Amino acid sequence: MKLISVRKLLAQGRLVLRFADHALIEGRKDGLTSDDLEEAVFHGELIEDYGIRGLLLHFTRNDGIPYHIVLEYILGTDEASIVTAYVPDAKLWQPDWRRRRRKKRK
């Protein structure tokens, strides 16, 4: 995902930012607002790139709580979508919230 390009197109008004219902519902469960999600689009760090989707890390403004969003953009379309949002589970993520923990072998 060319995150810099997506951000530029959004800032120029050439792309519309959409919020999937799933993203809003899951984000709310973790205390995240639509403003938090939008802030992550513009200021979050891309930590995993899946091609048309990217996983971004950002922190809430007031509390510094880490959260992830998945942003999707298909080249040639006129919108980018936040697909999901959540506060990552410490059991599944390294303390820096950027890398997944390796699964322990049994």
C-alpha atoms as a PDB file:
ATOM      1  CA  MET A   1       0.000   0.000   0.000  1.00  0.00           C
ATOM      2  CA  LYS A   2       1.322   3.415  -0.933  1.00  0.00           C
ATOM      3  CA  LEU A   3       0.202   5.100   2.273  1.00  0.00           C
ATOM      4  CA  ILE A   4       1.830   8.429   1.442  1.00  0.00           C
ATOM      5  CA  SER A   5      -0.108   8.557  -1.850  1.00  0.00           C
ATOM      6  CA  VAL A   6      -3.399   7.665  -0.150  1.00  0.00           C
ATOM      7  CA  ARG A   7      -2.872  10.375   2.458  1.00  0.00           C
ATOM      8  CA  LYS A   8      -2.055  12.910  -0.237  1.00  0.00           C
ATOM      9  CA  LEU A   9      -5.142  12.037  -2.298  1.00  0.00           C
ATOM     10  CA  LEU A  10      -7.354  12.244   0.799  1.00  0.00           C
ATOM     11  CA  ALA A  11      -5.881  15.628   1.793  1.00  0.00           C
ATOM     12  CA  GLN A  12      -6.473  16.926  -1.747  1.00  0.00           C
ATOM     13  CA  GLY A  13     -10.082  15.752  -1.673  1.00  0.00           C
ATOM     14  CA  ARG A  14      -9.499  13.356  -4.566  1.00  0.00           C
ATOM     15  CA  LEU A  15     -10.418  10.377  -2.387  1.00  0.00           C
ATOM     16  CA  VAL A  16     -13.288   9.980   0.061  1.00  0.00           C
ATOM     17  CA  LEU A  17     -12.622   8.250   3.379  1.00  0.00           C
ATOM     18  CA  ARG A  18     -15.270   5.661   4.225  1.00  0.00           C
ATOM     19  CA  PHE A  19     -15.795   3.895   7.542  1.00  0.00           C
ATOM     20  CA  ALA A  20     -17.012   0.309   7.342  1.00  0.00           C
ATOM     21  CA  ASP A  21     -19.759  -0.414   9.868  1.00  0.00           C
ATOM     22  CA  HIS A  22     -17.503  -3.137  11.258  1.00  0.00           C
ATOM     23  CA  ALA A  23     -14.717  -0.607  11.925  1.00  0.00           C
ATOM     24  CA  LEU A  24     -17.055   1.773  13.752  1.00  0.00           C
ATOM     25  CA  ILE A  25     -18.639  -0.989  15.837  1.00  0.00           C
ATOM     26  CA  GLU A  26     -15.350  -2.669  16.793  1.00  0.00           C
ATOM     27  CA  GLY A  27     -13.677   0.662  17.433  1.00  0.00           C
ATOM     28  CA  ARG A  28     -16.495   1.767  19.737  1.00  0.00           C
ATOM     29  CA  LYS A  29     -16.182  -1.470  21.706  1.00  0.00           C
ATOM     30  CA  ASP A  30     -12.611  -0.400  22.500  1.00  0.00           C
ATOM     31  CA  GLY A  31     -13.508   3.232  23.199  1.00  0.00           C
ATOM     32  CA  LEU A  32     -12.305   4.589  19.840  1.00  0.00           C
ATOM     33  CA  THR A  33     -14.141   7.369  18.047  1.00  0.00           C
ATOM     34  CA  SER A  34     -14.409   8.031  14.330  1.00  0.00           C
ATOM     35  CA  ASP A  35     -12.025  10.958  14.934  1.00  0.00           C
ATOM     36  CA  ASP A  36      -9.476   8.502  16.383  1.00  0.00           C
ATOM     37  CA  LEU A  37      -9.809   6.298  13.314  1.00  0.00           C
ATOM     38  CA  GLU A  38      -9.417   9.211  10.927  1.00  0.00           C
ATOM     39  CA  GLU A  39      -6.390  10.465  12.855  1.00  0.00           C
ATOM     40  CA  ALA A  40      -4.740   7.048  12.412  1.00  0.00           C
ATOM     41  CA  VAL A  41      -5.218   7.289   8.646  1.00  0.00           C
ATOM     42  CA  PHE A  42      -3.275  10.544   8.493  1.00  0.00           C
ATOM     43  CA  HIS A  43      -0.736  10.028  11.280  1.00  0.00           C
ATOM     44  CA  GLY A  44      -0.536   6.288  11.974  1.00  0.00           C
ATOM     45  CA  GLU A  45       2.479   4.147  11.212  1.00  0.00           C
ATOM     46  CA  LEU A  46       2.134   1.454   8.551  1.00  0.00           C
ATOM     47  CA  ILE A  47       3.269  -1.736  10.306  1.00  0.00           C
ATOM     48  CA  GLU A  48       2.008  -4.437   7.919  1.00  0.00           C
ATOM     49  CA  ASP A  49       1.413  -4.076   4.185  1.00  0.00           C
ATOM     50  CA  TYR A  50      -1.062  -6.444   2.526  1.00  0.00           C
ATOM     51  CA  GLY A  51      -1.109  -4.824  -0.906  1.00  0.00           C
ATOM     52  CA  ILE A  52      -4.512  -3.128  -1.126  1.00  0.00           C
ATOM     53  CA  ARG A  53      -4.764  -3.105   2.670  1.00  0.00           C
ATOM     54  CA  GLY A  54      -2.435  -1.889   5.351  1.00  0.00           C
ATOM     55  CA  LEU A  55      -2.339  -2.249   9.133  1.00  0.00           C
ATOM     56  CA  LEU A  56      -1.628   1.044  10.866  1.00  0.00           C
ATOM     57  CA  LEU A  57      -0.621   1.722  14.452  1.00  0.00           C
ATOM     58  CA  HIS A  58      -1.546   4.906  16.270  1.00  0.00           C
ATOM     59  CA  PHE A  59      -2.091   6.051  19.855  1.00  0.00           C
ATOM     60  CA  THR A  60      -5.078   7.877  21.331  1.00  0.00           C
ATOM     61  CA  ARG A  61      -4.414  11.548  21.835  1.00  0.00           C
ATOM     62  CA  ASN A  62      -5.380  11.846  25.502  1.00  0.00           C
ATOM     63  CA  ASP A  63      -4.419   8.475  26.979  1.00  0.00           C
ATOM     64  CA  GLY A  64      -1.735   7.182  24.621  1.00  0.00           C
ATOM     65  CA  ILE A  65      -3.608   3.890  24.188  1.00  0.00           C
ATOM     66  CA  PRO A  66      -2.304   1.950  21.172  1.00  0.00           C
ATOM     67  CA  TYR A  67      -4.751   0.958  18.478  1.00  0.00           C
ATOM     68  CA  HIS A  68      -4.686  -0.548  15.024  1.00  0.00           C
ATOM     69  CA  ILE A  69      -6.775   0.166  11.966  1.00  0.00           C
ATOM     70  CA  VAL A  70      -6.883  -1.632   8.646  1.00  0.00           C
ATOM     71  CA  LEU A  71      -7.063   0.794   5.731  1.00  0.00           C
ATOM     72  CA  GLU A  72      -8.033  -0.409   2.264  1.00  0.00           C
ATOM     73  CA  TYR A  73      -7.458   1.374  -1.020  1.00  0.00           C
ATOM     74  CA  ILE A  74      -7.928  -0.121  -4.457  1.00  0.00           C
ATOM     75  CA  LEU A  75      -5.995   1.810  -7.094  1.00  0.00           C
ATOM     76  CA  GLY A  76      -8.253   3.649  -9.505  1.00  0.00           C
ATOM     77  CA  THR A  77     -11.208   3.948  -7.148  1.00  0.00           C
ATOM     78  CA  ASP A  78     -12.371   7.173  -5.550  1.00  0.00           C
ATOM     79  CA  GLU A  79     -12.427   6.020  -1.939  1.00  0.00           C
ATOM     80  CA  ALA A  80     -10.320   4.552   0.821  1.00  0.00           C
ATOM     81  CA  SER A  81     -12.002   2.541   3.583  1.00  0.00           C
ATOM     82  CA  ILE A  82     -11.236   1.844   7.187  1.00  0.00           C
ATOM     83  CA  VAL A  83     -12.135  -1.838   7.378  1.00  0.00           C
ATOM     84  CA  THR A  84     -11.607  -2.517  11.080  1.00  0.00           C
ATOM     85  CA  ALA A  85     -10.196  -0.946  14.213  1.00  0.00           C
ATOM     86  CA  TYR A  86      -9.198  -2.353  17.595  1.00  0.00           C
ATOM     87  CA  VAL A  87      -6.939  -2.035  20.602  1.00  0.00           C
ATOM     88  CA  PRO A  88      -4.365  -4.820  20.192  1.00  0.00           C
ATOM     89  CA  ASP A  89      -4.148  -7.641  22.718  1.00  0.00           C
ATOM     90  CA  ALA A  90      -0.852  -7.650  24.658  1.00  0.00           C
ATOM     91  CA  LYS A  91      -0.835 -11.467  24.486  1.00  0.00           C
ATOM     92  CA  LEU A  92      -0.684 -11.314  20.689  1.00  0.00           C
ATOM     93  CA  TRP A  93       1.618  -8.320  20.131  1.00  0.00           C
ATOM     94  CA  GLN A  94       5.146  -7.388  21.142  1.00  0.00           C
ATOM     95  CA  PRO A  95       5.405  -4.497  23.647  1.00  0.00           C
ATOM     96  CA  ASP A  96       6.048  -2.039  20.785  1.00  0.00           C
ATOM     97  CA  TRP A  97       2.640  -2.977  19.249  1.00  0.00           C
ATOM     98  CA  ARG A  98       4.342  -3.240  15.842  1.00  0.00           C
ATOM     99  CA  ARG A  99       5.175  -6.926  15.721  1.00  0.00           C
ATOM    100  CA  ARG A 100       3.068  -9.975  16.407  1.00  0.00           C
ATOM    101  CA  ARG A 101       4.277 -12.402  19.041  1.00  0.00           C
ATOM    102  CA  ARG A 102       5.418 -15.738  17.741  1.00  0.00           C
ATOM    103  CA  LYS A 103       3.141 -18.604  18.570  1.00  0.00           C
ATOM    104  CA  LYS A 104       4.637 -20.970  21.095  1.00  0.00           C
ATOM    105  CA  ARG A 105       5.034 -24.542  19.957  1.00  0.00           C
ATOM    106  CA  LYS A 106       3.450 -27.202  22.059  1.00  0.00           C
END
